[in-house]
Amino acid sequence: MLINELAKKTGISTHTIRFYEKSGLIEGKQDETVKSNNYFHYDEITIEKLEFISDAKSVGFTIREIGQMIDAWYNNRFSKEKKLSILDEKLHSLEQKMKEIKEMKKQILQFKKDVLNDQC
């Protein structure tokens, strides 16, 4: 499929897809039999990778971390231990963020209480 169809299927803009391609997260292939254009074609694996990228971004993975994950799962470049290490690091990071968010929520609730009690 071409990039426009890929964008429609995934809900990701062509601009973002091109960014992911330039970042090395996905790869389009040119049809060797077609000499009249330079269009890149994408397969179902690309859709799967884009869904993975979206999911990973939504929980806080960086582009670099997503690249590591794609290498680990799709290119089998990492050992089982390295894969687990990457996941453990991210889990720890997410736990820290959750603690920070809970603390921020606590502060906001206190601010709200202060406003309701005319203490600010």
PDB file of N, CA and C in Angstrom:
ATOM      1  N   MET A   1       0.842  -1.171   0.000  1.00  0.00           N
ATOM      2  CA  MET A   1       0.000   0.000   0.000  1.00  0.00           C
ATOM      3  C   MET A   1       0.888   1.235   0.000  1.00  0.00           C
ATOM      4  N   LEU A   2       0.357   2.325  -0.511  1.00  0.00           N
ATOM      5  CA  LEU A   2       1.090   3.588  -0.537  1.00  0.00           C
ATOM      6  C   LEU A   2       0.870   4.342   0.771  1.00  0.00           C
ATOM      7  N   ILE A   3       1.631   5.401   0.976  1.00  0.00           N
ATOM      8  CA  ILE A   3       1.618   6.117   2.245  1.00  0.00           C
ATOM      9  C   ILE A   3       0.242   6.698   2.587  1.00  0.00           C
ATOM     10  N   ASN A   4      -0.505   7.161   1.579  1.00  0.00           N
ATOM     11  CA  ASN A   4      -1.831   7.720   1.864  1.00  0.00           C
ATOM     12  C   ASN A   4      -2.778   6.658   2.416  1.00  0.00           C
ATOM     13  N   GLU A   5      -2.744   5.471   1.860  1.00  0.00           N
ATOM     14  CA  GLU A   5      -3.582   4.382   2.355  1.00  0.00           C
ATOM     15  C   GLU A   5      -3.123   3.961   3.754  1.00  0.00           C
ATOM     16  N   LEU A   6      -1.816   3.924   3.960  1.00  0.00           N
ATOM     17  CA  LEU A   6      -1.268   3.589   5.268  1.00  0.00           C
ATOM     18  C   LEU A   6      -1.742   4.603   6.312  1.00  0.00           C
ATOM     19  N   ALA A   7      -1.733   5.870   5.952  1.00  0.00           N
ATOM     20  CA  ALA A   7      -2.197   6.913   6.865  1.00  0.00           C
ATOM     21  C   ALA A   7      -3.673   6.730   7.203  1.00  0.00           C
ATOM     22  N   LYS A   8      -4.469   6.405   6.209  1.00  0.00           N
ATOM     23  CA  LYS A   8      -5.902   6.186   6.450  1.00  0.00           C
ATOM     24  C   LYS A   8      -6.141   4.976   7.352  1.00  0.00           C
ATOM     25  N   LYS A   9      -5.407   3.899   7.112  1.00  0.00           N
ATOM     26  CA  LYS A   9      -5.601   2.677   7.894  1.00  0.00           C
ATOM     27  C   LYS A   9      -5.174   2.838   9.349  1.00  0.00           C
ATOM     28  N   THR A  10      -4.150   3.657   9.582  1.00  0.00           N
ATOM     29  CA  THR A  10      -3.603   3.777  10.930  1.00  0.00           C
ATOM     30  C   THR A  10      -4.072   5.029  11.663  1.00  0.00           C
ATOM     31  N   GLY A  11      -4.583   6.011  10.925  1.00  0.00           N
ATOM     32  CA  GLY A  11      -4.964   7.273  11.552  1.00  0.00           C
ATOM     33  C   GLY A  11      -3.766   8.146  11.885  1.00  0.00           C
ATOM     34  N   ILE A  12      -2.631   7.827  11.313  1.00  0.00           N
ATOM     35  CA  ILE A  12      -1.397   8.589  11.539  1.00  0.00           C
ATOM     36  C   ILE A  12      -1.115   9.393  10.274  1.00  0.00           C
ATOM     37  N   SER A  13      -0.774  10.664  10.440  1.00  0.00           N
ATOM     38  CA  SER A  13      -0.574  11.533   9.276  1.00  0.00           C
ATOM     39  C   SER A  13       0.620  11.076   8.440  1.00  0.00           C
ATOM     40  N   THR A  14       0.595  11.418   7.163  1.00  0.00           N
ATOM     41  CA  THR A  14       1.713  11.072   6.279  1.00  0.00           C
ATOM     42  C   THR A  14       2.998  11.744   6.754  1.00  0.00           C
ATOM     43  N   HIS A  15       2.861  12.956   7.280  1.00  0.00           N
ATOM     44  CA  HIS A  15       4.029  13.679   7.799  1.00  0.00           C
ATOM     45  C   HIS A  15       4.682  12.883   8.931  1.00  0.00           C
ATOM     46  N   THR A  16       3.863  12.382   9.853  1.00  0.00           N
ATOM     47  CA  THR A  16       4.377  11.606  10.984  1.00  0.00           C
ATOM     48  C   THR A  16       4.965  10.281  10.508  1.00  0.00           C
ATOM     49  N   ILE A  17       4.320   9.648   9.557  1.00  0.00           N
ATOM     50  CA  ILE A  17       4.843   8.387   9.001  1.00  0.00           C
ATOM     51  C   ILE A  17       6.221   8.629   8.389  1.00  0.00           C
ATOM     52  N   ARG A  18       6.360   9.721   7.654  1.00  0.00           N
ATOM     53  CA  ARG A  18       7.671  10.038   7.055  1.00  0.00           C
ATOM     54  C   ARG A  18       8.713  10.297   8.140  1.00  0.00           C
ATOM     55  N   PHE A  19       8.298  10.973   9.227  1.00  0.00           N
ATOM     56  CA  PHE A  19       9.217  11.202  10.349  1.00  0.00           C
ATOM     57  C   PHE A  19       9.686   9.878  10.931  1.00  0.00           C
ATOM     58  N   TYR A  20       8.749   8.949  11.143  1.00  0.00           N
ATOM     59  CA  TYR A  20       9.116   7.639  11.679  1.00  0.00           C
ATOM     60  C   TYR A  20      10.050   6.901  10.726  1.00  0.00           C
ATOM     61  N   GLU A  21       9.813   7.076   9.452  1.00  0.00           N
ATOM     62  CA  GLU A  21      10.677   6.430   8.457  1.00  0.00           C
ATOM     63  C   GLU A  21      12.087   7.031   8.521  1.00  0.00           C
ATOM     64  N   LYS A  22      12.181   8.358   8.588  1.00  0.00           N
ATOM     65  CA  LYS A  22      13.487   9.014   8.680  1.00  0.00           C
ATOM     66  C   LYS A  22      14.197   8.648   9.980  1.00  0.00           C
ATOM     67  N   SER A  23      13.412   8.377  11.026  1.00  0.00           N
ATOM     68  CA  SER A  23      13.977   7.986  12.318  1.00  0.00           C
ATOM     69  C   SER A  23      14.404   6.525  12.351  1.00  0.00           C
ATOM     70  N   GLY A  24      14.077   5.781  11.296  1.00  0.00           N
ATOM     71  CA  GLY A  24      14.464   4.381  11.205  1.00  0.00           C
ATOM     72  C   GLY A  24      13.512   3.418  11.896  1.00  0.00           C
ATOM     73  N   LEU A  25      12.334   3.906  12.286  1.00  0.00           N
ATOM     74  CA  LEU A  25      11.380   3.041  12.983  1.00  0.00           C
ATOM     75  C   LEU A  25      10.604   2.151  12.019  1.00  0.00           C
ATOM     76  N   ILE A  26      10.354   2.637  10.831  1.00  0.00           N
ATOM     77  CA  ILE A  26       9.671   1.850   9.800  1.00  0.00           C
ATOM     78  C   ILE A  26      10.438   2.008   8.498  1.00  0.00           C
ATOM     79  N   GLU A  27      10.084   1.167   7.536  1.00  0.00           N
ATOM     80  CA  GLU A  27      10.788   1.220   6.256  1.00  0.00           C
ATOM     81  C   GLU A  27       9.827   0.881   5.124  1.00  0.00           C
ATOM     82  N   GLY A  28       9.756   1.782   4.155  1.00  0.00           N
ATOM     83  CA  GLY A  28       8.996   1.506   2.954  1.00  0.00           C
ATOM     84  C   GLY A  28       9.912   0.887   1.915  1.00  0.00           C
ATOM     85  N   LYS A  29       9.321   0.185   0.987  1.00  0.00           N
ATOM     86  CA  LYS A  29      10.119  -0.441  -0.066  1.00  0.00           C
ATOM     87  C   LYS A  29       9.607   0.023  -1.417  1.00  0.00           C
ATOM     88  N   GLN A  30      10.535   0.232  -2.332  1.00  0.00           N
ATOM     89  CA  GLN A  30      10.148   0.597  -3.681  1.00  0.00           C
ATOM     90  C   GLN A  30       9.896  -0.667  -4.488  1.00  0.00           C
ATOM     91  N   ASP A  31       8.920  -0.585  -5.355  1.00  0.00           N
ATOM     92  CA  ASP A  31       8.608  -1.699  -6.240  1.00  0.00           C
ATOM     93  C   ASP A  31       9.632  -1.694  -7.373  1.00  0.00           C
ATOM     94  N   GLU A  32      10.464  -2.708  -7.406  1.00  0.00           N
ATOM     95  CA  GLU A  32      11.548  -2.785  -8.394  1.00  0.00           C
ATOM     96  C   GLU A  32      11.030  -2.878  -9.827  1.00  0.00           C
ATOM     97  N   THR A  33       9.794  -3.349  -9.980  1.00  0.00           N
ATOM     98  CA  THR A  33       9.256  -3.518 -11.333  1.00  0.00           C
ATOM     99  C   THR A  33       8.716  -2.211 -11.906  1.00  0.00           C
ATOM    100  N   VAL A  34       8.520  -1.213 -11.051  1.00  0.00           N
ATOM    101  CA  VAL A  34       7.986   0.077 -11.501  1.00  0.00           C
ATOM    102  C   VAL A  34       9.134   1.070 -11.614  1.00  0.00           C
ATOM    103  N   LYS A  35       9.336   1.588 -12.800  1.00  0.00           N
ATOM    104  CA  LYS A  35      10.439   2.517 -13.040  1.00  0.00           C
ATOM    105  C   LYS A  35       9.956   3.955 -13.223  1.00  0.00           C
ATOM    106  N   SER A  36       8.637   4.169 -13.250  1.00  0.00           N
ATOM    107  CA  SER A  36       8.099   5.493 -13.572  1.00  0.00           C
ATOM    108  C   SER A  36       7.904   6.402 -12.363  1.00  0.00           C
ATOM    109  N   ASN A  37       8.063   5.861 -11.133  1.00  0.00           N
ATOM    110  CA  ASN A  37       7.899   6.712  -9.958  1.00  0.00           C
ATOM    111  C   ASN A  37       8.803   6.212  -8.832  1.00  0.00           C
ATOM    112  N   ASN A  38       8.896   7.002  -7.815  1.00  0.00           N
ATOM    113  CA  ASN A  38       9.714   6.635  -6.658  1.00  0.00           C
ATOM    114  C   ASN A  38       8.854   6.333  -5.431  1.00  0.00           C
ATOM    115  N   TYR A  39       7.647   5.859  -5.648  1.00  0.00           N
ATOM    116  CA  TYR A  39       6.726   5.599  -4.547  1.00  0.00           C
ATOM    117  C   TYR A  39       7.240   4.470  -3.662  1.00  0.00           C
ATOM    118  N   PHE A  40       7.020   4.662  -2.372  1.00  0.00           N
ATOM    119  CA  PHE A  40       7.347   3.618  -1.415  1.00  0.00           C
ATOM    120  C   PHE A  40       6.076   2.859  -1.080  1.00  0.00           C
ATOM    121  N   HIS A  41       6.215   1.571  -0.893  1.00  0.00           N
ATOM    122  CA  HIS A  41       5.094   0.708  -0.555  1.00  0.00           C
ATOM    123  C   HIS A  41       5.307   0.158   0.851  1.00  0.00           C
ATOM    124  N   TYR A  42       4.207  -0.042   1.546  1.00  0.00           N
ATOM    125  CA  TYR A  42       4.249  -0.482   2.935  1.00  0.00           C
ATOM    126  C   TYR A  42       3.388  -1.735   3.079  1.00  0.00           C
ATOM    127  N   ASP A  43       3.803  -2.606   3.996  1.00  0.00           N
ATOM    128  CA  ASP A  43       3.094  -3.866   4.189  1.00  0.00           C
ATOM    129  C   ASP A  43       2.364  -3.888   5.529  1.00  0.00           C
ATOM    130  N   GLU A  44       1.763  -5.031   5.833  1.00  0.00           N
ATOM    131  CA  GLU A  44       0.996  -5.178   7.078  1.00  0.00           C
ATOM    132  C   GLU A  44       1.895  -5.072   8.307  1.00  0.00           C
ATOM    133  N   ILE A  45       3.144  -5.474   8.183  1.00  0.00           N
ATOM    134  CA  ILE A  45       4.083  -5.351   9.310  1.00  0.00           C
ATOM    135  C   ILE A  45       4.254  -3.880   9.670  1.00  0.00           C
ATOM    136  N   THR A  46       4.243  -3.012   8.667  1.00  0.00           N
ATOM    137  CA  THR A  46       4.367  -1.574   8.928  1.00  0.00           C
ATOM    138  C   THR A  46       3.178  -1.072   9.731  1.00  0.00           C
ATOM    139  N   ILE A  47       1.991  -1.562   9.419  1.00  0.00           N
ATOM    140  CA  ILE A  47       0.803  -1.187  10.197  1.00  0.00           C
ATOM    141  C   ILE A  47       0.990  -1.634  11.644  1.00  0.00           C
ATOM    142  N   GLU A  48       1.446  -2.851  11.833  1.00  0.00           N
ATOM    143  CA  GLU A  48       1.685  -3.382  13.175  1.00  0.00           C
ATOM    144  C   GLU A  48       2.713  -2.523  13.928  1.00  0.00           C
ATOM    145  N   LYS A  49       3.792  -2.149  13.236  1.00  0.00           N
ATOM    146  CA  LYS A  49       4.820  -1.313  13.860  1.00  0.00           C
ATOM    147  C   LYS A  49       4.258   0.057  14.225  1.00  0.00           C
ATOM    148  N   LEU A  50       3.460   0.654  13.346  1.00  0.00           N
ATOM    149  CA  LEU A  50       2.887   1.963  13.634  1.00  0.00           C
ATOM    150  C   LEU A  50       1.936   1.910  14.823  1.00  0.00           C
ATOM    151  N   GLU A  51       1.184   0.838  14.938  1.00  0.00           N
ATOM    152  CA  GLU A  51       0.307   0.669  16.105  1.00  0.00           C
ATOM    153  C   GLU A  51       1.149   0.532  17.370  1.00  0.00           C
ATOM    154  N   PHE A  52       2.239  -0.216  17.269  1.00  0.00           N
ATOM    155  CA  PHE A  52       3.148  -0.368  18.399  1.00  0.00           C
ATOM    156  C   PHE A  52       3.749   0.983  18.782  1.00  0.00           C
ATOM    157  N   ILE A  53       4.188   1.746  17.792  1.00  0.00           N
ATOM    158  CA  ILE A  53       4.782   3.065  18.042  1.00  0.00           C
ATOM    159  C   ILE A  53       3.776   3.963  18.757  1.00  0.00           C
ATOM    160  N   SER A  54       2.545   3.994  18.270  1.00  0.00           N
ATOM    161  CA  SER A  54       1.509   4.819  18.895  1.00  0.00           C
ATOM    162  C   SER A  54       1.271   4.408  20.341  1.00  0.00           C
ATOM    163  N   ASP A  55       1.164   3.111  20.568  1.00  0.00           N
ATOM    164  CA  ASP A  55       0.946   2.613  21.926  1.00  0.00           C
ATOM    165  C   ASP A  55       2.130   2.965  22.828  1.00  0.00           C
ATOM    166  N   ALA A  56       3.328   2.762  22.331  1.00  0.00           N
ATOM    167  CA  ALA A  56       4.527   3.037  23.124  1.00  0.00           C
ATOM    168  C   ALA A  56       4.644   4.527  23.443  1.00  0.00           C
ATOM    169  N   LYS A  57       4.347   5.370  22.470  1.00  0.00           N
ATOM    170  CA  LYS A  57       4.390   6.820  22.712  1.00  0.00           C
ATOM    171  C   LYS A  57       3.361   7.229  23.756  1.00  0.00           C
ATOM    172  N   SER A  58       2.195   6.596  23.726  1.00  0.00           N
ATOM    173  CA  SER A  58       1.124   6.987  24.644  1.00  0.00           C
ATOM    174  C   SER A  58       1.458   6.675  26.100  1.00  0.00           C
ATOM    175  N   VAL A  59       2.369   5.737  26.337  1.00  0.00           N
ATOM    176  CA  VAL A  59       2.761   5.435  27.711  1.00  0.00           C
ATOM    177  C   VAL A  59       4.132   6.007  28.061  1.00  0.00           C
ATOM    178  N   GLY A  60       4.662   6.863  27.194  1.00  0.00           N
ATOM    179  CA  GLY A  60       5.853   7.609  27.549  1.00  0.00           C
ATOM    180  C   GLY A  60       7.177   7.145  26.983  1.00  0.00           C
ATOM    181  N   PHE A  61       7.172   6.181  26.088  1.00  0.00           N
ATOM    182  CA  PHE A  61       8.434   5.772  25.481  1.00  0.00           C
ATOM    183  C   PHE A  61       8.937   6.871  24.554  1.00  0.00           C
ATOM    184  N   THR A  62      10.241   7.087  24.528  1.00  0.00           N
ATOM    185  CA  THR A  62      10.854   8.046  23.617  1.00  0.00           C
ATOM    186  C   THR A  62      11.066   7.373  22.252  1.00  0.00           C
ATOM    187  N   ILE A  63      11.360   8.180  21.254  1.00  0.00           N
ATOM    188  CA  ILE A  63      11.637   7.640  19.916  1.00  0.00           C
ATOM    189  C   ILE A  63      12.827   6.671  19.990  1.00  0.00           C
ATOM    190  N   ARG A  64      13.848   7.018  20.758  1.00  0.00           N
ATOM    191  CA  ARG A  64      15.013   6.146  20.896  1.00  0.00           C
ATOM    192  C   ARG A  64      14.617   4.814  21.527  1.00  0.00           C
ATOM    193  N   GLU A  65      13.817   4.887  22.582  1.00  0.00           N
ATOM    194  CA  GLU A  65      13.370   3.660  23.244  1.00  0.00           C
ATOM    195  C   GLU A  65      12.496   2.821  22.326  1.00  0.00           C
ATOM    196  N   ILE A  66      11.652   3.474  21.561  1.00  0.00           N
ATOM    197  CA  ILE A  66      10.798   2.748  20.611  1.00  0.00           C
ATOM    198  C   ILE A  66      11.668   2.061  19.569  1.00  0.00           C
ATOM    199  N   GLY A  67      12.706   2.746  19.122  1.00  0.00           N
ATOM    200  CA  GLY A  67      13.638   2.138  18.173  1.00  0.00           C
ATOM    201  C   GLY A  67      14.285   0.889  18.752  1.00  0.00           C
ATOM    202  N   GLN A  68      14.669   0.946  20.039  1.00  0.00           N
ATOM    203  CA  GLN A  68      15.242  -0.226  20.699  1.00  0.00           C
ATOM    204  C   GLN A  68      14.228  -1.369  20.737  1.00  0.00           C
ATOM    205  N   MET A  69      12.981  -1.016  21.062  1.00  0.00           N
ATOM    206  CA  MET A  69      11.944  -2.042  21.159  1.00  0.00           C
ATOM    207  C   MET A  69      11.704  -2.695  19.796  1.00  0.00           C
ATOM    208  N   ILE A  70      11.640  -1.875  18.757  1.00  0.00           N
ATOM    209  CA  ILE A  70      11.421  -2.421  17.412  1.00  0.00           C
ATOM    210  C   ILE A  70      12.590  -3.309  17.017  1.00  0.00           C
ATOM    211  N   ASP A  71      13.814  -2.856  17.319  1.00  0.00           N
ATOM    212  CA  ASP A  71      14.976  -3.705  17.041  1.00  0.00           C
ATOM    213  C   ASP A  71      14.871  -5.020  17.792  1.00  0.00           C
ATOM    214  N   ALA A  72      14.450  -4.937  19.039  1.00  0.00           N
ATOM    215  CA  ALA A  72      14.372  -6.138  19.866  1.00  0.00           C
ATOM    216  C   ALA A  72      13.331  -7.125  19.350  1.00  0.00           C
ATOM    217  N   TRP A  73      12.162  -6.607  18.993  1.00  0.00           N
ATOM    218  CA  TRP A  73      11.068  -7.513  18.619  1.00  0.00           C
ATOM    219  C   TRP A  73      11.055  -7.871  17.144  1.00  0.00           C
ATOM    220  N   TYR A  74      11.266  -6.891  16.301  1.00  0.00           N
ATOM    221  CA  TYR A  74      11.119  -7.149  14.868  1.00  0.00           C
ATOM    222  C   TYR A  74      12.419  -7.563  14.193  1.00  0.00           C
ATOM    223  N   ASN A  75      13.541  -7.147  14.742  1.00  0.00           N
ATOM    224  CA  ASN A  75      14.810  -7.459  14.097  1.00  0.00           C
ATOM    225  C   ASN A  75      15.630  -8.468  14.889  1.00  0.00           C
ATOM    226  N   ASN A  76      15.124  -8.884  16.042  1.00  0.00           N
ATOM    227  CA  ASN A  76      15.805  -9.858  16.901  1.00  0.00           C
ATOM    228  C   ASN A  76      17.273  -9.512  17.135  1.00  0.00           C
ATOM    229  N   ARG A  77      17.529  -8.241  17.448  1.00  0.00           N
ATOM    230  CA  ARG A  77      18.898  -7.796  17.676  1.00  0.00           C
ATOM    231  C   ARG A  77      19.328  -7.901  19.134  1.00  0.00           C
ATOM    232  N   PHE A  78      18.365  -8.105  20.034  1.00  0.00           N
ATOM    233  CA  PHE A  78      18.691  -8.148  21.452  1.00  0.00           C
ATOM    234  C   PHE A  78      18.404  -9.526  22.028  1.00  0.00           C
ATOM    235  N   SER A  79      19.185  -9.855  23.037  1.00  0.00           N
ATOM    236  CA  SER A  79      18.953 -11.109  23.748  1.00  0.00           C
ATOM    237  C   SER A  79      17.699 -10.970  24.610  1.00  0.00           C
ATOM    238  N   LYS A  80      17.238 -12.080  25.097  1.00  0.00           N
ATOM    239  CA  LYS A  80      16.081 -12.088  26.000  1.00  0.00           C
ATOM    240  C   LYS A  80      16.368 -11.208  27.212  1.00  0.00           C
ATOM    241  N   GLU A  81      17.582 -11.301  27.758  1.00  0.00           N
ATOM    242  CA  GLU A  81      17.964 -10.520  28.929  1.00  0.00           C
ATOM    243  C   GLU A  81      17.931  -9.019  28.630  1.00  0.00           C
ATOM    244  N   LYS A  82      18.410  -8.628  27.463  1.00  0.00           N
ATOM    245  CA  LYS A  82      18.410  -7.208  27.090  1.00  0.00           C
ATOM    246  C   LYS A  82      16.983  -6.717  26.903  1.00  0.00           C
ATOM    247  N   LYS A  83      16.141  -7.524  26.283  1.00  0.00           N
ATOM    248  CA  LYS A  83      14.733  -7.150  26.120  1.00  0.00           C
ATOM    249  C   LYS A  83      14.091  -6.906  27.476  1.00  0.00           C
ATOM    250  N   LEU A  84      14.326  -7.830  28.406  1.00  0.00           N
ATOM    251  CA  LEU A  84      13.759  -7.692  29.745  1.00  0.00           C
ATOM    252  C   LEU A  84      14.324  -6.462  30.457  1.00  0.00           C
ATOM    253  N   SER A  85      15.590  -6.186  30.263  1.00  0.00           N
ATOM    254  CA  SER A  85      16.215  -5.016  30.870  1.00  0.00           C
ATOM    255  C   SER A  85      15.580  -3.716  30.368  1.00  0.00           C
ATOM    256  N   ILE A  86      15.343  -3.638  29.074  1.00  0.00           N
ATOM    257  CA  ILE A  86      14.696  -2.457  28.484  1.00  0.00           C
ATOM    258  C   ILE A  86      13.309  -2.270  29.098  1.00  0.00           C
ATOM    259  N   LEU A  87      12.561  -3.345  29.195  1.00  0.00           N
ATOM    260  CA  LEU A  87      11.210  -3.272  29.759  1.00  0.00           C
ATOM    261  C   LEU A  87      11.239  -2.915  31.240  1.00  0.00           C
ATOM    262  N   ASP A  88      12.168  -3.493  31.983  1.00  0.00           N
ATOM    263  CA  ASP A  88      12.280  -3.182  33.406  1.00  0.00           C
ATOM    264  C   ASP A  88      12.627  -1.711  33.630  1.00  0.00           C
ATOM    265  N   GLU A  89      13.525  -1.174  32.815  1.00  0.00           N
ATOM    266  CA  GLU A  89      13.887   0.240  32.932  1.00  0.00           C
ATOM    267  C   GLU A  89      12.669   1.128  32.702  1.00  0.00           C
ATOM    268  N   LYS A  90      11.883   0.793  31.707  1.00  0.00           N
ATOM    269  CA  LYS A  90      10.707   1.609  31.401  1.00  0.00           C
ATOM    270  C   LYS A  90       9.657   1.463  32.491  1.00  0.00           C
ATOM    271  N   LEU A  91       9.475   0.274  33.008  1.00  0.00           N
ATOM    272  CA  LEU A  91       8.528   0.084  34.110  1.00  0.00           C
ATOM    273  C   LEU A  91       8.929   0.926  35.319  1.00  0.00           C
ATOM    274  N   HIS A  92      10.207   0.946  35.625  1.00  0.00           N
ATOM    275  CA  HIS A  92      10.691   1.761  36.741  1.00  0.00           C
ATOM    276  C   HIS A  92      10.420   3.244  36.481  1.00  0.00           C
ATOM    277  N   SER A  93      10.700   3.672  35.272  1.00  0.00           N
ATOM    278  CA  SER A  93      10.452   5.068  34.898  1.00  0.00           C
ATOM    279  C   SER A  93       8.967   5.427  35.015  1.00  0.00           C
ATOM    280  N   LEU A  94       8.111   4.520  34.564  1.00  0.00           N
ATOM    281  CA  LEU A  94       6.667   4.766  34.659  1.00  0.00           C
ATOM    282  C   LEU A  94       6.200   4.816  36.112  1.00  0.00           C
ATOM    283  N   GLU A  95       6.757   3.959  36.938  1.00  0.00           N
ATOM    284  CA  GLU A  95       6.406   3.983  38.354  1.00  0.00           C
ATOM    285  C   GLU A  95       6.792   5.315  38.988  1.00  0.00           C
ATOM    286  N   GLN A  96       7.959   5.839  38.628  1.00  0.00           N
ATOM    287  CA  GLN A  96       8.391   7.141  39.137  1.00  0.00           C
ATOM    288  C   GLN A  96       7.442   8.245  38.680  1.00  0.00           C
ATOM    289  N   LYS A  97       7.058   8.210  37.426  1.00  0.00           N
ATOM    290  CA  LYS A  97       6.129   9.218  36.902  1.00  0.00           C
ATOM    291  C   LYS A  97       4.785   9.135  37.610  1.00  0.00           C
ATOM    292  N   MET A  98       4.330   7.918  37.886  1.00  0.00           N
ATOM    293  CA  MET A  98       3.054   7.747  38.577  1.00  0.00           C
ATOM    294  C   MET A  98       3.127   8.349  39.981  1.00  0.00           C
ATOM    295  N   LYS A  99       4.243   8.167  40.673  1.00  0.00           N
ATOM    296  CA  LYS A  99       4.426   8.764  41.994  1.00  0.00           C
ATOM    297  C   LYS A  99       4.378  10.288  41.896  1.00  0.00           C
ATOM    298  N   GLU A 100       5.051  10.839  40.887  1.00  0.00           N
ATOM    299  CA  GLU A 100       5.068  12.288  40.698  1.00  0.00           C
ATOM    300  C   GLU A 100       3.662  12.816  40.392  1.00  0.00           C
ATOM    301  N   ILE A 101       2.924  12.098  39.575  1.00  0.00           N
ATOM    302  CA  ILE A 101       1.560  12.511  39.232  1.00  0.00           C
ATOM    303  C   ILE A 101       0.668  12.457  40.466  1.00  0.00           C
ATOM    304  N   LYS A 102       0.808  11.431  41.272  1.00  0.00           N
ATOM    305  CA  LYS A 102       0.017  11.335  42.505  1.00  0.00           C
ATOM    306  C   LYS A 102       0.328  12.494  43.445  1.00  0.00           C
ATOM    307  N   GLU A 103       1.585  12.853  43.538  1.00  0.00           N
ATOM    308  CA  GLU A 103       1.976  13.981  44.391  1.00  0.00           C
ATOM    309  C   GLU A 103       1.398  15.290  43.854  1.00  0.00           C
ATOM    310  N   MET A 104       1.432  15.457  42.542  1.00  0.00           N
ATOM    311  CA  MET A 104       0.867  16.661  41.928  1.00  0.00           C
ATOM    312  C   MET A 104      -0.635  16.718  42.173  1.00  0.00           C
ATOM    313  N   LYS A 105      -1.299  15.581  42.056  1.00  0.00           N
ATOM    314  CA  LYS A 105      -2.742  15.521  42.314  1.00  0.00           C
ATOM    315  C   LYS A 105      -3.037  15.941  43.747  1.00  0.00           C
ATOM    316  N   LYS A 106      -2.224  15.453  44.672  1.00  0.00           N
ATOM    317  CA  LYS A 106      -2.388  15.784  46.079  1.00  0.00           C
ATOM    318  C   LYS A 106      -2.267  17.302  46.283  1.00  0.00           C
ATOM    319  N   GLN A 107      -1.290  17.916  45.658  1.00  0.00           N
ATOM    320  CA  GLN A 107      -1.098  19.364  45.778  1.00  0.00           C
ATOM    321  C   GLN A 107      -2.279  20.131  45.187  1.00  0.00           C
ATOM    322  N   ILE A 108      -2.752  19.692  44.040  1.00  0.00           N
ATOM    323  CA  ILE A 108      -3.880  20.366  43.399  1.00  0.00           C
ATOM    324  C   ILE A 108      -5.135  20.247  44.270  1.00  0.00           C
ATOM    325  N   LEU A 109      -5.359  19.078  44.840  1.00  0.00           N
ATOM    326  CA  LEU A 109      -6.506  18.910  45.740  1.00  0.00           C
ATOM    327  C   LEU A 109      -6.389  19.830  46.953  1.00  0.00           C
ATOM    328  N   GLN A 110      -5.181  20.015  47.467  1.00  0.00           N
ATOM    329  CA  GLN A 110      -4.981  20.941  48.586  1.00  0.00           C
ATOM    330  C   GLN A 110      -5.258  22.376  48.150  1.00  0.00           C
ATOM    331  N   PHE A 111      -4.801  22.756  46.967  1.00  0.00           N
ATOM    332  CA  PHE A 111      -5.081  24.094  46.437  1.00  0.00           C
ATOM    333  C   PHE A 111      -6.588  24.313  46.308  1.00  0.00           C
ATOM    334  N   LYS A 112      -7.266  23.296  45.810  1.00  0.00           N
ATOM    335  CA  LYS A 112      -8.716  23.379  45.655  1.00  0.00           C
ATOM    336  C   LYS A 112      -9.380  23.566  47.011  1.00  0.00           C
ATOM    337  N   LYS A 113      -8.940  22.808  47.997  1.00  0.00           N
ATOM    338  CA  LYS A 113      -9.479  22.929  49.356  1.00  0.00           C
ATOM    339  C   LYS A 113      -9.242  24.343  49.896  1.00  0.00           C
ATOM    340  N   ASP A 114      -8.039  24.877  49.663  1.00  0.00           N
ATOM    341  CA  ASP A 114      -7.723  26.226  50.107  1.00  0.00           C
ATOM    342  C   ASP A 114      -8.635  27.255  49.456  1.00  0.00           C
ATOM    343  N   VAL A 115      -8.923  27.085  48.181  1.00  0.00           N
ATOM    344  CA  VAL A 115      -9.818  28.004  47.481  1.00  0.00           C
ATOM    345  C   VAL A 115     -11.221  27.910  48.070  1.00  0.00           C
ATOM    346  N   LEU A 116     -11.700  26.700  48.270  1.00  0.00           N
ATOM    347  CA  LEU A 116     -13.042  26.516  48.820  1.00  0.00           C
ATOM    348  C   LEU A 116     -13.182  27.098  50.239  1.00  0.00           C
ATOM    349  N   ASN A 117     -12.102  27.094  50.978  1.00  0.00           N
ATOM    350  CA  ASN A 117     -12.120  27.618  52.343  1.00  0.00           C
ATOM    351  C   ASN A 117     -11.648  29.067  52.423  1.00  0.00           C
ATOM    352  N   ASP A 118     -11.568  29.738  51.269  1.00  0.00           N
ATOM    353  CA  ASP A 118     -11.108  31.135  51.187  1.00  0.00           C
ATOM    354  C   ASP A 118      -9.787  31.354  51.901  1.00  0.00           C
ATOM    355  N   GLN A 119      -8.867  30.434  51.707  1.00  0.00           N
ATOM    356  CA  GLN A 119      -7.554  30.536  52.331  1.00  0.00           C
ATOM    357  C   GLN A 119      -6.469  30.961  51.353  1.00  0.00           C
ATOM    358  N   CYS A 120      -6.882  31.454  50.213  1.00  0.00           N
ATOM    359  CA  CYS A 120      -5.888  31.962  49.264  1.00  0.00           C
ATOM    360  C   CYS A 120      -6.463  33.100  48.463  1.00  0.00           C
TER     361      CYS A 120
END
